[in-house]
C-alpha atoms as a PDB file:
ATOM      1  CA  MET A   1      22.512 -24.850   8.895  1.00  0.00           C
ATOM      2  CA  HIS A   2      20.195 -22.291  10.427  1.00  0.00           C
ATOM      3  CA  LEU A   3      20.667 -18.896   8.488  1.00  0.00           C
ATOM      4  CA  ILE A   4      20.026 -15.629   9.938  1.00  0.00           C
ATOM      5  CA  LYS A   5      19.897 -12.864   7.555  1.00  0.00           C
ATOM      6  CA  ALA A   6      21.565  -9.232   9.052  1.00  0.00           C
ATOM      7  CA  VAL A   7      20.740  -6.026   7.865  1.00  0.00           C
ATOM      8  CA  VAL A   8      23.092  -3.679   9.279  1.00  0.00           C
ATOM      9  CA  GLU A   9      22.449   0.112   9.834  1.00  0.00           C
ATOM     10  CA  HIS A  10      24.620   2.230  11.997  1.00  0.00           C
ATOM     11  CA  ASN A  11      26.606   5.768  12.873  1.00  0.00           C
ATOM     12  CA  ASP A  12      28.627   6.562  15.446  1.00  0.00           C
ATOM     13  CA  ASN A  13      25.944   6.710  18.042  1.00  0.00           C
ATOM     14  CA  GLY A  14      25.369   2.846  17.399  1.00  0.00           C
ATOM     15  CA  PHE A  15      23.725  -0.009  15.489  1.00  0.00           C
ATOM     16  CA  LEU A  16      20.299  -1.707  14.669  1.00  0.00           C
ATOM     17  CA  VAL A  17      20.356  -4.765  13.276  1.00  0.00           C
ATOM     18  CA  TYR A  18      17.518  -6.418  11.800  1.00  0.00           C
ATOM     19  CA  ALA A  19      16.792 -10.063  10.778  1.00  0.00           C
ATOM     20  CA  ASP A  20      15.826 -10.000   7.113  1.00  0.00           C
ATOM     21  CA  ASN A  21      14.229 -12.918   6.468  1.00  0.00           C
ATOM     22  CA  TYR A  22      12.268 -12.840   9.825  1.00  0.00           C
ATOM     23  CA  CYS A  23      10.249  -9.715   9.419  1.00  0.00           C
ATOM     24  CA  GLY A  24      10.584  -7.407  12.447  1.00  0.00           C
ATOM     25  CA  ALA A  25      13.199  -9.206  15.050  1.00  0.00           C
ATOM     26  CA  TYR A  26      15.669  -6.572  15.547  1.00  0.00           C
ATOM     27  CA  THR A  27      18.821  -6.030  17.984  1.00  0.00           C
ATOM     28  CA  ARG A  28      20.638  -2.807  19.029  1.00  0.00           C
ATOM     29  CA  GLY A  29      24.054  -2.391  20.242  1.00  0.00           C
ATOM     30  CA  ARG A  30      26.759   0.163  20.178  1.00  0.00           C
ATOM     31  CA  THR A  31      29.240  -1.542  18.313  1.00  0.00           C
ATOM     32  CA  GLU A  32      28.613  -3.924  15.708  1.00  0.00           C
ATOM     33  CA  ALA A  33      29.536  -6.960  17.290  1.00  0.00           C
ATOM     34  CA  GLU A  34      27.159  -6.513  20.351  1.00  0.00           C
ATOM     35  CA  ALA A  35      24.441  -6.036  17.946  1.00  0.00           C
ATOM     36  CA  LEU A  36      25.053  -9.037  16.049  1.00  0.00           C
ATOM     37  CA  GLY A  37      25.340 -11.032  19.562  1.00  0.00           C
ATOM     38  CA  LYS A  38      22.464 -10.370  20.464  1.00  0.00           C
ATOM     39  CA  LEU A  39      20.490 -11.588  17.432  1.00  0.00           C
ATOM     40  CA  LYS A  40      20.273 -15.347  17.854  1.00  0.00           C
ATOM     41  CA  GLY A  41      18.507 -14.640  21.408  1.00  0.00           C
ATOM     42  CA  GLU A  42      16.309 -12.579  19.459  1.00  0.00           C
ATOM     43  CA  VAL A  43      15.094 -14.537  16.554  1.00  0.00           C
ATOM     44  CA  GLN A  44      14.567 -16.922  19.183  1.00  0.00           C
ATOM     45  CA  LYS A  45      12.258 -15.143  20.754  1.00  0.00           C
ATOM     46  CA  TYR A  46      10.477 -13.955  17.435  1.00  0.00           C
ATOM     47  CA  LEU A  47       9.925 -17.574  16.248  1.00  0.00           C
ATOM     48  CA  LEU A  48       8.227 -18.820  19.850  1.00  0.00           C
ATOM     49  CA  TRP A  49       5.933 -15.430  19.361  1.00  0.00           C
ATOM     50  CA  ALA A  50       5.327 -16.265  15.575  1.00  0.00           C
ATOM     51  CA  THR A  51       5.128 -20.014  15.366  1.00  0.00           C
ATOM     52  CA  GLY A  52       5.301 -21.448  18.694  1.00  0.00           C
ATOM     53  CA  ASN A  53       8.576 -23.193  17.784  1.00  0.00           C
ATOM     54  CA  ASN A  54      12.309 -22.468  18.397  1.00  0.00           C
ATOM     55  CA  ILE A  55      15.477 -23.017  17.021  1.00  0.00           C
ATOM     56  CA  THR A  56      16.890 -26.587  18.559  1.00  0.00           C
ATOM     57  CA  GLY A  57      20.049 -26.186  20.854  1.00  0.00           C
ATOM     58  CA  ASN A  58      21.600 -28.776  18.429  1.00  0.00           C
ATOM     59  CA  GLU A  59      20.932 -26.873  15.038  1.00  0.00           C
ATOM     60  CA  PRO A  60      23.956 -24.450  14.406  1.00  0.00           C
ATOM     61  CA  ILE A  61      23.273 -20.887  13.916  1.00  0.00           C
ATOM     62  CA  GLU A  62      24.633 -18.877  11.011  1.00  0.00           C
ATOM     63  CA  ILE A  63      24.525 -14.922  11.034  1.00  0.00           C
ATOM     64  CA  SER A  64      25.350 -13.721   7.692  1.00  0.00           C
ATOM     65  CA  VAL A  65      25.690 -10.119   6.947  1.00  0.00           C
ATOM     66  CA  VAL A  66      23.746  -9.048   3.485  1.00  0.00           C
ATOM     67  CA  GLN A  67      23.142  -4.824   3.847  1.00  0.00           C
ATOM     68  CA  ARG A  68      24.576  -2.168   5.447  1.00  0.00           C
ATOM     69  CA  LYS A  69      23.452   1.402   5.555  1.00  0.00           C
ATOM     70  CA  VAL A  70      25.344   3.975   6.901  1.00  0.00           C
ATOM     71  CA  SER A  71      22.281   6.660   8.723  1.00  0.00           C
ATOM     72  CA  ASN A  72      22.443  10.146   9.533  1.00  0.00           C
ATOM     73  CA  LEU A  73      19.354   9.360  11.686  1.00  0.00           C
ATOM     74  CA  GLN A  74      19.307   8.943  15.858  1.00  0.00           C
ATOM     75  CA  ILE A  75      20.451   5.174  16.037  1.00  0.00           C
ATOM     76  CA  CYS A  76      20.067   5.334  19.513  1.00  0.00           C
ATOM     77  CA  ASP A  77      17.019   6.316  19.901  1.00  0.00           C
ATOM     78  CA  ALA A  78      16.005   3.046  16.911  1.00  0.00           C
ATOM     79  CA  ASP A  79      15.539   5.991  14.757  1.00  0.00           C
ATOM     80  CA  SER A  80      15.502   4.316  11.113  1.00  0.00           C
ATOM     81  CA  ASP A  81      15.098   5.039   7.488  1.00  0.00           C
ATOM     82  CA  VAL A  82      16.718   1.902   5.744  1.00  0.00           C
ATOM     83  CA  ILE A  83      15.106  -0.087   3.190  1.00  0.00           C
ATOM     84  CA  PHE A  84      15.577  -3.975   2.895  1.00  0.00           C
ATOM     85  CA  GLU A  85      16.771  -4.851  -1.243  1.00  0.00           C
ATOM     86  CA  THR A  86      14.205  -7.422  -0.445  1.00  0.00           C
ATOM     87  CA  GLU A  87      11.529  -4.884   0.544  1.00  0.00           C
ATOM     88  CA  LYS A  88      12.211  -3.153  -3.245  1.00  0.00           C
ATOM     89  CA  LEU A  89      10.866  -6.903  -5.077  1.00  0.00           C
ATOM     90  CA  PRO A  90       7.452  -7.648  -5.764  1.00  0.00           C
ATOM     91  CA  LEU A  91       5.362  -9.551  -3.529  1.00  0.00           C
ATOM     92  CA  SER A  92       3.042 -13.172  -3.905  1.00  0.00           C
ATOM     93  CA  GLN A  93      -0.196 -13.191  -2.403  1.00  0.00           C
ATOM     94  CA  LYS A  94       1.226 -16.022  -0.306  1.00  0.00           C
ATOM     95  CA  GLU A  95       4.105 -13.846   1.039  1.00  0.00           C
ATOM     96  CA  TYR A  96       1.903 -10.760   1.770  1.00  0.00           C
ATOM     97  CA  SER A  97      -0.560 -12.906   3.569  1.00  0.00           C
ATOM     98  CA  ARG A  98       2.307 -14.492   5.424  1.00  0.00           C
ATOM     99  CA  LEU A  99       2.995 -11.051   6.963  1.00  0.00           C
ATOM    100  CA  LYS A 100      -0.420  -9.604   7.083  1.00  0.00           C
ATOM    101  CA  THR A 101      -1.244 -12.511  10.014  1.00  0.00           C
ATOM    102  CA  LEU A 102       1.944 -11.553  11.723  1.00  0.00           C
ATOM    103  CA  VAL A 103       1.214  -7.829  12.087  1.00  0.00           C
ATOM    104  CA  ILE A 104      -2.152  -8.262  12.847  1.00  0.00           C
ATOM    105  CA  LYS A 105      -0.867 -10.844  15.819  1.00  0.00           C
ATOM    106  CA  SER A 106       1.373  -8.682  16.510  1.00  0.00           C
ATOM    107  CA  ALA A 107      -1.427  -5.772  16.914  1.00  0.00           C
ATOM    108  CA  ASN A 108      -3.393  -8.297  19.221  1.00  0.00           C
ATOM    109  CA  GLY A 109      -0.208  -9.254  21.393  1.00  0.00           C
ATOM    110  CA  PHE A 110      -0.095  -5.503  21.933  1.00  0.00           C
ATOM    111  CA  GLU A 111      -3.425  -5.342  23.480  1.00  0.00           C
ATOM    112  CA  GLU A 112      -2.768  -7.811  25.179  1.00  0.00           C
ATOM    113  CA  LEU A 113      -0.158  -6.736  26.853  1.00  0.00           C
ATOM    114  CA  TYR A 114      -1.431  -3.277  27.017  1.00  0.00           C
ATOM    115  CA  VAL A 115      -4.963  -4.479  28.589  1.00  0.00           C
ATOM    116  CA  SER A 116      -3.046  -6.205  30.912  1.00  0.00           C
ATOM    117  CA  ILE A 117      -1.321  -3.677  33.319  1.00  0.00           C
ATOM    118  CA  PRO A 118      -3.389  -2.805  36.282  1.00  0.00           C
ATOM    119  CA  ASP A 119      -2.307   1.363  35.578  1.00  0.00           C
ATOM    120  CA  LYS A 120      -1.883   2.461  32.581  1.00  0.00           C
ATOM    121  CA  ASN A 121      -1.005   6.023  33.513  1.00  0.00           C
ATOM    122  CA  ARG A 122       1.784   4.588  36.358  1.00  0.00           C
ATOM    123  CA  THR A 123       5.640   4.691  35.267  1.00  0.00           C
ATOM    124  CA  THR A 124       8.830   4.728  36.690  1.00  0.00           C
ATOM    125  CA  LEU A 125      10.605   6.237  33.565  1.00  0.00           C
ATOM    126  CA  THR A 126      12.267   9.148  33.603  1.00  0.00           C
ATOM    127  CA  GLU A 127      11.460  12.093  31.149  1.00  0.00           C
ATOM    128  CA  ARG A 128      12.829  12.296  28.305  1.00  0.00           C
ATOM    129  CA  GLN A 129      13.050  14.159  25.258  1.00  0.00           C
ATOM    130  CA  THR A 130      14.903  13.360  22.146  1.00  0.00           C
ATOM    131  CA  PHE A 131      15.055  15.460  18.698  1.00  0.00           C
ATOM    132  CA  TYR A 132      11.802  13.741  17.811  1.00  0.00           C
ATOM    133  CA  GLY A 133      10.451  14.786  20.874  1.00  0.00           C
ATOM    134  CA  HIS A 134       8.305  13.286  23.916  1.00  0.00           C
ATOM    135  CA  VAL A 135       9.141  10.107  24.368  1.00  0.00           C
ATOM    136  CA  PRO A 136       6.426   7.664  25.876  1.00  0.00           C
ATOM    137  CA  ARG A 137       6.745   6.632  29.047  1.00  0.00           C
ATOM    138  CA  THR A 138       3.288   5.365  30.464  1.00  0.00           C
ATOM    139  CA  ALA A 139       1.865   2.148  29.175  1.00  0.00           C
ATOM    140  CA  TYR A 140      -1.320   4.623  27.442  1.00  0.00           C
ATOM    141  CA  GLU A 141       1.641   7.071  25.992  1.00  0.00           C
ATOM    142  CA  MET A 142       3.073   3.601  24.374  1.00  0.00           C
ATOM    143  CA  TYR A 143      -0.228   2.788  23.389  1.00  0.00           C
ATOM    144  CA  GLU A 144      -1.550   5.948  21.705  1.00  0.00           C
ATOM    145  CA  HIS A 145       2.028   6.071  20.441  1.00  0.00           C
ATOM    146  CA  THR A 146       2.457   3.088  18.685  1.00  0.00           C
ATOM    147  CA  ASN A 147      -1.102   3.251  17.179  1.00  0.00           C
ATOM    148  CA  ASN A 148      -0.961   6.486  15.739  1.00  0.00           C
ATOM    149  CA  VAL A 149       1.785   5.360  13.157  1.00  0.00           C
ATOM    150  CA  THR A 150      -0.396   3.892  11.694  1.00  0.00           C
ATOM    151  CA  ASN A 151      -2.032   6.408   9.735  1.00  0.00           C
ATOM    152  CA  TYR A 152       1.732   7.989   8.956  1.00  0.00           C
ATOM    153  CA  TYR A 153       3.268   4.419   7.939  1.00  0.00           C
ATOM    154  CA  VAL A 154       0.806   3.648   5.352  1.00  0.00           C
ATOM    155  CA  GLY A 155       0.784   7.452   4.200  1.00  0.00           C
ATOM    156  CA  GLU A 156       4.097   6.742   2.907  1.00  0.00           C
ATOM    157  CA  ILE A 157       3.053   4.534   0.250  1.00  0.00           C
ATOM    158  CA  GLY A 158      -0.118   6.389  -0.952  1.00  0.00           C
ATOM    159  CA  ILE A 159      -2.544   5.255   1.653  1.00  0.00           C
ATOM    160  CA  THR A 160      -5.191   7.373   3.210  1.00  0.00           C
ATOM    161  CA  VAL A 161      -6.527   6.333   6.432  1.00  0.00           C
ATOM    162  CA  ASN A 162      -8.045   8.086   9.769  1.00  0.00           C
ATOM    163  CA  ASN A 163      -6.524   6.098  12.810  1.00  0.00           C
ATOM    164  CA  LEU A 164      -9.065   4.461  15.617  1.00  0.00           C
ATOM    165  CA  PRO A 165      -8.496   4.315  18.398  1.00  0.00           C
ATOM    166  CA  ASN A 166      -8.133   0.504  19.216  1.00  0.00           C
ATOM    167  CA  ILE A 167      -4.982  -0.812  17.590  1.00  0.00           C
ATOM    168  CA  ILE A 168      -6.202  -4.270  16.093  1.00  0.00           C
ATOM    169  CA  GLU A 169      -9.238  -2.450  14.507  1.00  0.00           C
ATOM    170  CA  ASN A 170      -7.027  -0.128  12.809  1.00  0.00           C
ATOM    171  CA  ARG A 171      -4.936  -2.046  11.359  1.00  0.00           C
ATOM    172  CA  ILE A 172      -7.318  -4.100   9.827  1.00  0.00           C
ATOM    173  CA  ASN A 173      -8.756  -0.664   8.520  1.00  0.00           C
ATOM    174  CA  ALA A 174      -5.453   0.443   6.867  1.00  0.00           C
ATOM    175  CA  PHE A 175      -5.338  -3.299   5.276  1.00  0.00           C
ATOM    176  CA  GLU A 176      -8.846  -3.183   4.268  1.00  0.00           C
ATOM    177  CA  ARG A 177      -7.725   0.095   2.208  1.00  0.00           C
ATOM    178  CA  ILE A 178      -4.516  -1.184   0.929  1.00  0.00           C
ATOM    179  CA  GLU A 179      -6.449  -4.204  -0.573  1.00  0.00           C
ATOM    180  CA  SER A 180      -8.574  -1.737  -1.912  1.00  0.00           C
ATOM    181  CA  THR A 181      -6.104  -0.726  -4.448  1.00  0.00           C
ATOM    182  CA  SER A 182      -5.390  -2.952  -7.550  1.00  0.00           C
ATOM    183  CA  TYR A 183      -1.637  -2.478  -7.705  1.00  0.00           C
ATOM    184  CA  PHE A 184      -0.215  -3.455  -3.605  1.00  0.00           C
ATOM    185  CA  LEU A 185       1.416  -6.657  -4.937  1.00  0.00           C
ATOM    186  CA  LYS A 186       3.537  -4.316  -7.387  1.00  0.00           C
ATOM    187  CA  ASN A 187       5.333  -3.561  -3.720  1.00  0.00           C
ATOM    188  CA  THR A 188       5.882  -0.295  -5.569  1.00  0.00           C
ATOM    189  CA  THR A 189       9.316   1.609  -4.064  1.00  0.00           C
ATOM    190  CA  TYR A 190       8.013   5.691  -2.736  1.00  0.00           C
ATOM    191  CA  ASP A 191      10.345   8.230  -2.182  1.00  0.00           C
ATOM    192  CA  GLY A 192       8.687   9.290   1.035  1.00  0.00           C
ATOM    193  CA  SER A 193       8.964  12.110   3.770  1.00  0.00           C
ATOM    194  CA  TYR A 194      12.685  13.326   4.593  1.00  0.00           C
ATOM    195  CA  GLY A 195      13.548  11.314   1.962  1.00  0.00           C
ATOM    196  CA  GLU A 196      12.846   8.272   2.670  1.00  0.00           C
ATOM    197  CA  GLN A 197      12.204   4.830   0.848  1.00  0.00           C
ATOM    198  CA  TRP A 198       9.005   2.995   1.866  1.00  0.00           C
ATOM    199  CA  SER A 199       7.403   0.214   0.279  1.00  0.00           C
ATOM    200  CA  LEU A 200       3.919  -1.756   1.400  1.00  0.00           C
ATOM    201  CA  LYS A 201       6.557  -4.908   2.696  1.00  0.00           C
ATOM    202  CA  LYS A 202       8.418  -2.212   4.818  1.00  0.00           C
ATOM    203  CA  VAL A 203       5.631  -1.080   5.966  1.00  0.00           C
ATOM    204  CA  LEU A 204       4.117  -4.365   7.117  1.00  0.00           C
ATOM    205  CA  ARG A 205       7.934  -4.757   8.721  1.00  0.00           C
ATOM    206  CA  ARG A 206       7.877  -1.239  10.294  1.00  0.00           C
ATOM    207  CA  PHE A 207       4.614  -2.238  12.174  1.00  0.00           C
ATOM    208  CA  ILE A 208       6.209  -5.370  13.219  1.00  0.00           C
ATOM    209  CA  TRP A 209       9.570  -3.703  14.380  1.00  0.00           C
ATOM    210  CA  HIS A 210       7.735  -0.515  16.253  1.00  0.00           C
ATOM    211  CA  ASP A 211       5.478  -2.590  18.244  1.00  0.00           C
ATOM    212  CA  ARG A 212       7.805  -4.574  19.475  1.00  0.00           C
ATOM    213  CA  ILE A 213      10.236  -1.911  20.509  1.00  0.00           C
ATOM    214  CA  HIS A 214       7.318  -0.058  22.737  1.00  0.00           C
ATOM    215  CA  ALA A 215       6.074  -3.978  24.020  1.00  0.00           C
ATOM    216  CA  ARG A 216       9.066  -4.544  25.100  1.00  0.00           C
ATOM    217  CA  ALA A 217       9.402  -1.026  26.963  1.00  0.00           C
ATOM    218  CA  MET A 218       5.862  -1.061  28.387  1.00  0.00           C
ATOM    219  CA  TYR A 219       6.545  -4.487  29.421  1.00  0.00           C
ATOM    220  CA  ARG A 220       9.540  -3.905  31.618  1.00  0.00           C
ATOM    221  CA  MET A 221       8.424  -1.329  33.246  1.00  0.00           C
ATOM    222  CA  ALA A 222       5.156  -2.883  34.503  1.00  0.00           C
ATOM    223  CA  THR A 223       7.104  -6.001  35.438  1.00  0.00           C
ATOM    224  CA  ASN A 224       9.143  -3.118  37.225  1.00  0.00           C
ATOM    225  CA  ILE A 225       6.301  -2.493  39.091  1.00  0.00           C
ATOM    226  CA  TRP A 226       3.728  -5.516  39.486  1.00  0.00           C
ATOM    227  CA  GLY A 227       6.045  -8.361  38.823  1.00  0.00           C
ATOM    228  CA  LYS A 228       5.515 -11.016  36.040  1.00  0.00           C
ATOM    229  CA  GLN A 229       2.760 -12.987  37.343  1.00  0.00           C
ATOM    230  CA  ASP A 230      -0.212 -10.719  36.376  1.00  0.00           C
ATOM    231  CA  ILE A 231       0.905  -8.922  33.282  1.00  0.00           C
ATOM    232  CA  ARG A 232       0.632 -10.790  29.782  1.00  0.00           C
ATOM    233  CA  ASN A 233       3.953 -11.128  27.775  1.00  0.00           C
ATOM    234  CA  PRO A 234       3.120 -12.272  24.554  1.00  0.00           C
ATOM    235  CA  TYR A 235       6.000 -11.638  22.413  1.00  0.00           C
ATOM    236  CA  PHE A 236       8.290 -13.640  25.051  1.00  0.00           C
ATOM    237  CA  PHE A 237      10.460 -10.816  26.072  1.00  0.00           C
ATOM    238  CA  ASP A 238      11.702 -13.486  29.139  1.00  0.00           C
END
């Protein structure tokens, strides 16, 4: 039996479902059933990305909802503030190292996809505003936005960094600052901006989750323009 532990964040605008035991994997849906129904496929792609392996077709899969949270945010725009119960527990060095490796891997994948796009300023997406501002439409805007959350995320756990222009170097720099503290494996829970709770483990999950949101949008837009032959797909979105 292969168990996927699901965390459900929801309101009248929709559902976000996260795989608690696959850091950063997520789905969305108008209903809980729709979002949960996509989770197996998301985890399969996630495993291909993270390990190069997949869930075998003969292996039974069970999805168990381990946590639910009603949100006041724009779930339909993938805005989220949930902290998992597992994200409040101390981190072992082994677990931290595993998650750090995945976060850096994700940054490398994002860079690989971005570099493969011939024209970083071309888009087929229409202009759209949300409550939180302009939605990135070009590959360049998606890259800048995804990279520039770095100082915000780590700032919510008391770490100050100046963003670097390259997403890989920026992540590595952020980890160096995190690891310069003597207490980071305690995984302290912080009350951050807008009443949102944060921890180091949540930050690591949010990096991968946020990468996947914008990498998926970038990949779909790019392949619609140039086709799939020359656009890199490190996340195995197809």
